[in-house]
Structures are given as structure tokens and as C-alpha cells.
N, C-alpha and C. Protein backbone atom coordinates (compact mmCIF):
# COMPACT_ATOMS: atom_id res chain seq x y z
N MET A 1 99.68 80.09 -100.29
CA MET A 1 98.59 79.20 -100.47
C MET A 1 98.86 78.59 -101.70
N ASP A 2 98.38 77.07 -101.77
CA ASP A 2 98.72 76.35 -102.85
C ASP A 2 97.96 76.79 -104.14
N ASN A 3 98.35 76.58 -105.42
CA ASN A 3 97.50 76.95 -106.46
C ASN A 3 96.50 75.71 -106.60
N LEU A 4 95.26 76.15 -106.83
CA LEU A 4 94.15 75.02 -106.80
C LEU A 4 93.78 74.62 -108.31
N ILE A 5 93.55 73.48 -108.44
CA ILE A 5 93.03 73.05 -109.67
C ILE A 5 91.72 72.29 -109.51
N ILE A 6 90.63 72.67 -110.04
CA ILE A 6 89.39 72.04 -110.01
C ILE A 6 89.26 70.80 -110.89
N LEU A 7 89.10 69.69 -110.36
CA LEU A 7 88.90 68.46 -111.16
C LEU A 7 87.45 68.02 -111.27
N ASN A 8 86.92 67.95 -112.41
CA ASN A 8 85.53 67.72 -112.54
C ASN A 8 85.28 66.12 -112.97
N ASP A 9 86.48 65.60 -113.27
CA ASP A 9 86.28 64.18 -113.74
C ASP A 9 86.88 63.04 -112.83
N VAL A 10 86.95 63.45 -111.50
CA VAL A 10 87.47 62.47 -110.55
C VAL A 10 86.24 61.81 -110.04
N ALA A 11 86.35 60.38 -110.05
CA ALA A 11 85.28 59.59 -109.52
C ALA A 11 85.68 58.96 -108.35
N ILE A 12 84.80 59.01 -107.25
CA ILE A 12 85.11 58.47 -105.90
C ILE A 12 84.00 57.56 -105.61
N PRO A 13 84.42 56.42 -105.10
CA PRO A 13 83.37 55.47 -104.72
C PRO A 13 82.50 55.94 -103.56
N SER A 14 81.19 55.77 -103.62
CA SER A 14 80.29 56.30 -102.54
C SER A 14 80.71 56.09 -101.24
N GLU A 15 81.17 54.81 -100.90
CA GLU A 15 81.44 54.73 -99.43
C GLU A 15 82.66 55.51 -98.95
N LEU A 16 83.66 55.82 -99.96
CA LEU A 16 84.60 56.77 -99.57
C LEU A 16 84.26 58.23 -99.25
N LEU A 17 83.18 58.63 -100.14
CA LEU A 17 82.73 60.03 -100.13
C LEU A 17 81.83 60.10 -98.69
N VAL A 18 81.05 59.00 -98.42
CA VAL A 18 80.44 59.06 -97.16
C VAL A 18 81.30 58.97 -95.97
N ALA A 19 82.43 58.31 -95.95
CA ALA A 19 83.41 58.17 -94.90
C ALA A 19 84.12 59.64 -94.93
N THR A 20 84.44 60.16 -95.91
CA THR A 20 85.06 61.61 -96.08
C THR A 20 84.15 62.64 -95.44
N ASP A 21 82.89 62.56 -95.76
CA ASP A 21 82.00 63.53 -95.11
C ASP A 21 81.84 63.33 -93.60
N LYS A 22 81.86 62.07 -93.18
CA LYS A 22 81.76 61.69 -91.72
C LYS A 22 83.03 62.45 -90.99
N ALA A 23 84.26 62.11 -91.66
CA ALA A 23 85.47 62.68 -91.09
C ALA A 23 85.44 64.22 -91.01
N VAL A 24 84.90 64.78 -91.97
CA VAL A 24 84.74 66.31 -92.20
C VAL A 24 83.91 66.81 -91.00
N GLN A 25 82.61 66.15 -90.71
CA GLN A 25 81.80 66.49 -89.75
C GLN A 25 82.40 66.33 -88.27
N GLU A 26 83.43 65.32 -88.24
CA GLU A 26 84.05 65.14 -86.96
C GLU A 26 85.07 66.01 -86.78
N GLY A 27 85.43 66.91 -87.70
CA GLY A 27 86.48 68.03 -87.55
C GLY A 27 87.91 67.58 -87.97
N LYS A 28 87.89 66.48 -88.74
CA LYS A 28 89.16 65.98 -89.28
C LYS A 28 89.83 66.80 -90.36
N ALA A 29 88.87 67.56 -90.94
CA ALA A 29 89.30 68.44 -91.96
C ALA A 29 88.21 69.59 -91.99
N LYS A 30 88.46 70.72 -92.71
CA LYS A 30 87.58 71.73 -92.91
C LYS A 30 86.46 71.41 -93.85
N ASN A 31 86.82 70.65 -95.03
CA ASN A 31 85.87 70.20 -95.98
C ASN A 31 86.49 69.07 -96.80
N ARG A 32 85.67 68.70 -97.76
CA ARG A 32 86.07 67.47 -98.53
C ARG A 32 87.45 67.62 -99.23
N SER A 33 87.60 68.86 -99.74
CA SER A 33 88.73 69.13 -100.59
C SER A 33 89.97 68.91 -99.73
N GLU A 34 89.98 69.67 -98.42
CA GLU A 34 91.02 69.57 -97.55
C GLU A 34 91.35 68.13 -97.18
N PHE A 35 90.26 67.43 -96.94
CA PHE A 35 90.55 66.00 -96.56
C PHE A 35 91.19 65.16 -97.67
N ILE A 36 90.73 65.31 -98.88
CA ILE A 36 91.31 64.38 -99.96
C ILE A 36 92.69 64.88 -100.13
N ALA A 37 93.07 66.20 -100.03
CA ALA A 37 94.37 66.88 -100.37
C ALA A 37 95.41 66.11 -99.24
N LYS A 38 94.76 66.02 -97.95
CA LYS A 38 95.57 65.42 -96.97
C LYS A 38 95.98 64.00 -97.30
N ALA A 39 94.86 63.26 -97.64
CA ALA A 39 95.05 61.90 -97.96
C ALA A 39 96.08 61.68 -99.15
N LEU A 40 96.04 62.50 -100.13
CA LEU A 40 96.85 62.55 -101.27
C LEU A 40 98.30 62.65 -100.85
N ARG A 41 98.56 63.65 -100.00
CA ARG A 41 99.86 64.04 -99.48
C ARG A 41 100.33 62.86 -98.73
N ARG A 42 99.56 62.32 -97.83
CA ARG A 42 99.89 61.13 -97.04
C ARG A 42 100.43 59.91 -97.86
N GLU A 43 99.56 59.64 -99.02
CA GLU A 43 99.86 58.67 -99.88
C GLU A 43 101.19 58.94 -100.65
N LEU A 44 101.24 60.06 -101.10
CA LEU A 44 102.53 60.43 -101.84
C LEU A 44 103.83 60.23 -100.96
N GLU A 45 103.61 60.69 -99.78
CA GLU A 45 104.79 60.55 -98.75
C GLU A 45 105.12 59.02 -98.63
N ALA A 46 104.00 58.18 -98.48
CA ALA A 46 104.24 56.69 -98.33
C ALA A 46 105.02 56.17 -99.52
N LEU A 47 104.52 56.46 -100.64
CA LEU A 47 105.36 56.04 -101.88
C LEU A 47 106.70 56.50 -101.84
N LYS A 48 107.02 57.61 -101.40
CA LYS A 48 108.42 58.24 -101.41
C LYS A 48 109.14 57.55 -100.41
N ARG A 49 108.63 57.11 -99.27
CA ARG A 49 109.28 56.45 -98.34
C ARG A 49 109.49 54.97 -98.67
N ALA A 50 108.58 54.32 -99.40
CA ALA A 50 108.67 52.98 -100.09
C ALA A 50 109.72 52.90 -101.01
N LYS A 51 109.90 54.01 -101.89
CA LYS A 51 110.91 54.05 -102.75
C LYS A 51 112.30 54.08 -102.12
N ILE A 52 112.36 54.96 -101.11
CA ILE A 52 113.71 55.06 -100.31
C ILE A 52 114.02 53.76 -99.71
N ASP A 53 113.10 53.19 -99.04
CA ASP A 53 113.18 51.75 -98.34
C ASP A 53 113.70 50.77 -99.42
N ALA A 54 113.24 50.78 -100.52
CA ALA A 54 113.64 49.79 -101.63
C ALA A 54 115.07 50.03 -101.92
N GLN A 55 115.46 51.39 -102.15
CA GLN A 55 116.98 51.77 -102.48
C GLN A 55 117.83 51.22 -101.30
N LEU A 56 117.35 51.44 -100.04
CA LEU A 56 118.19 51.01 -98.95
C LEU A 56 118.33 49.53 -98.79
N ALA A 57 117.22 48.73 -99.27
CA ALA A 57 117.32 47.36 -99.35
C ALA A 57 118.30 46.82 -100.18
N GLU A 58 118.40 47.62 -101.47
CA GLU A 58 119.34 47.13 -102.51
C GLU A 58 120.81 47.27 -101.98
N MET A 59 121.04 48.34 -100.97
CA MET A 59 122.31 48.52 -100.52
C MET A 59 123.01 47.17 -99.76
N VAL A 60 121.93 46.33 -99.32
CA VAL A 60 122.53 45.07 -98.69
C VAL A 60 123.21 44.21 -99.67
N ASN A 61 122.94 44.22 -100.84
CA ASN A 61 123.41 43.40 -101.93
C ASN A 61 124.59 44.03 -102.75
N ASP A 62 124.74 45.20 -102.41
CA ASP A 62 125.81 46.09 -103.14
C ASP A 62 127.19 46.00 -102.49
N VAL A 63 127.99 45.14 -103.12
CA VAL A 63 129.29 44.84 -102.53
C VAL A 63 130.28 46.03 -102.43
N ASP A 64 130.15 46.92 -103.42
CA ASP A 64 130.97 48.15 -103.47
C ASP A 64 130.58 49.06 -102.09
N TYR A 65 129.31 49.18 -101.97
CA TYR A 65 128.78 49.82 -100.77
C TYR A 65 129.21 49.24 -99.51
N GLN A 66 129.08 47.96 -99.41
CA GLN A 66 129.41 47.30 -98.17
C GLN A 66 131.03 47.45 -97.95
N GLN A 67 131.81 47.36 -98.93
CA GLN A 67 133.17 47.57 -98.80
C GLN A 67 133.63 49.01 -98.21
N GLU A 68 132.83 49.96 -98.74
CA GLU A 68 133.02 51.42 -98.42
C GLU A 68 132.55 51.62 -96.96
N VAL A 69 131.46 51.04 -96.54
CA VAL A 69 131.08 51.09 -95.10
C VAL A 69 132.07 50.42 -94.27
N LEU A 70 132.66 49.28 -94.53
CA LEU A 70 133.71 48.70 -93.70
C LEU A 70 134.94 49.60 -93.61
N GLN A 71 135.26 50.24 -94.67
CA GLN A 71 136.46 51.18 -94.75
C GLN A 71 136.13 52.37 -93.83
N MET A 72 135.10 52.94 -93.90
CA MET A 72 134.70 54.04 -93.22
C MET A 72 134.69 53.72 -91.54
N GLU A 73 134.19 52.50 -91.16
CA GLU A 73 134.16 52.14 -89.89
C GLU A 73 135.58 51.93 -89.36
N ALA A 74 136.47 51.39 -90.25
CA ALA A 74 137.80 51.18 -89.85
C ALA A 74 138.45 52.53 -89.57
N GLU A 75 138.31 53.40 -90.38
CA GLU A 75 138.77 54.82 -90.30
C GLU A 75 138.41 55.55 -89.09
N PHE A 76 137.12 55.35 -88.78
CA PHE A 76 136.59 56.02 -87.47
C PHE A 76 136.78 55.35 -86.21
N ALA A 77 137.17 54.07 -86.32
CA ALA A 77 137.28 53.28 -85.02
C ALA A 77 138.08 53.97 -83.97
N THR A 78 139.36 54.52 -84.30
CA THR A 78 140.08 55.13 -83.37
C THR A 78 139.47 56.35 -82.80
N ALA A 79 138.85 57.18 -83.54
CA ALA A 79 138.11 58.40 -83.02
C ALA A 79 137.19 57.95 -82.09
N GLN A 80 136.31 56.88 -82.49
CA GLN A 80 135.25 56.47 -81.60
C GLN A 80 135.90 56.01 -80.22
N TRP A 81 136.95 55.27 -80.21
CA TRP A 81 137.47 54.77 -79.05
C TRP A 81 138.09 55.88 -78.19
N GLU A 82 138.58 56.90 -78.79
CA GLU A 82 139.04 58.06 -78.12
C GLU A 82 137.91 58.83 -77.40
N ALA A 83 136.76 58.99 -78.20
CA ALA A 83 135.55 59.75 -77.61
C ALA A 83 135.11 58.83 -76.44
N LEU A 84 135.01 57.63 -76.52
CA LEU A 84 134.50 56.88 -75.43
C LEU A 84 135.39 56.95 -74.19
N LYS A 85 136.71 56.87 -74.42
CA LYS A 85 137.54 57.11 -73.25
C LYS A 85 137.46 58.37 -72.60
N LEU A 86 137.15 59.40 -73.38
CA LEU A 86 137.14 60.77 -72.96
C LEU A 86 135.77 60.91 -72.19
N MET A 87 134.77 60.34 -72.64
CA MET A 87 133.46 60.29 -71.95
C MET A 87 133.59 59.53 -70.54
N LYS A 88 134.21 58.45 -70.53
CA LYS A 88 134.41 57.85 -69.34
C LYS A 88 135.30 58.62 -68.21
N SER A 89 136.23 59.18 -68.75
CA SER A 89 137.15 60.02 -67.75
C SER A 89 136.31 61.27 -67.28
N GLU A 90 135.21 61.71 -68.00
CA GLU A 90 134.58 62.87 -67.41
C GLU A 90 133.53 62.39 -66.33
N GLU A 91 133.23 61.08 -66.38
CA GLU A 91 132.13 60.74 -65.46
C GLU A 91 132.49 60.80 -63.94
């Protein structure tokens, strides 16, 4: 079980609290705390994915990375061709 920390100074807009209570009543979570923890986890994962996406986008402009990819593709081209031929012969 997670270690719990009680926060007494968190302010939540009333419309979010009403929506949270409605979601809890609909069975989306056991209680407010669980619902808020789920939302925080989801948001933190989205931030993590956005950071990874930004790093991947930077690779497009990274000349060294592009050269390395081309080199790996050339090195594996023969093996890929042989695997394709093997698959075709087994059909």
C-alpha cells in the first residue's frame, strides 16, 4: 500500500469537487482521494510521455543519430533479406 500524506492546504475549484463527487457516486472510484490520486497519476504519465515525445522529435534533427540509424539499417539489410527469403520458402 502507498504511504499516504494528508494535504490540508490543497484548494480545488468547486466545480471540480462536484464533478469528482459525481464520478465517485457513479463508481469511478471508491472515494475522492482515490479519484484524485488516479487523476494525478494519469497527468504525471501524460507529462512523462510528452517529455519522451519531445526527445524523439529532437532525434529528427540529430545528424549523428540519423547517420547511426542508416548504418544499422545497412548492417541488418542482409539479415532481413535472408529472413524474408526463409519465410517465403516455408509458405
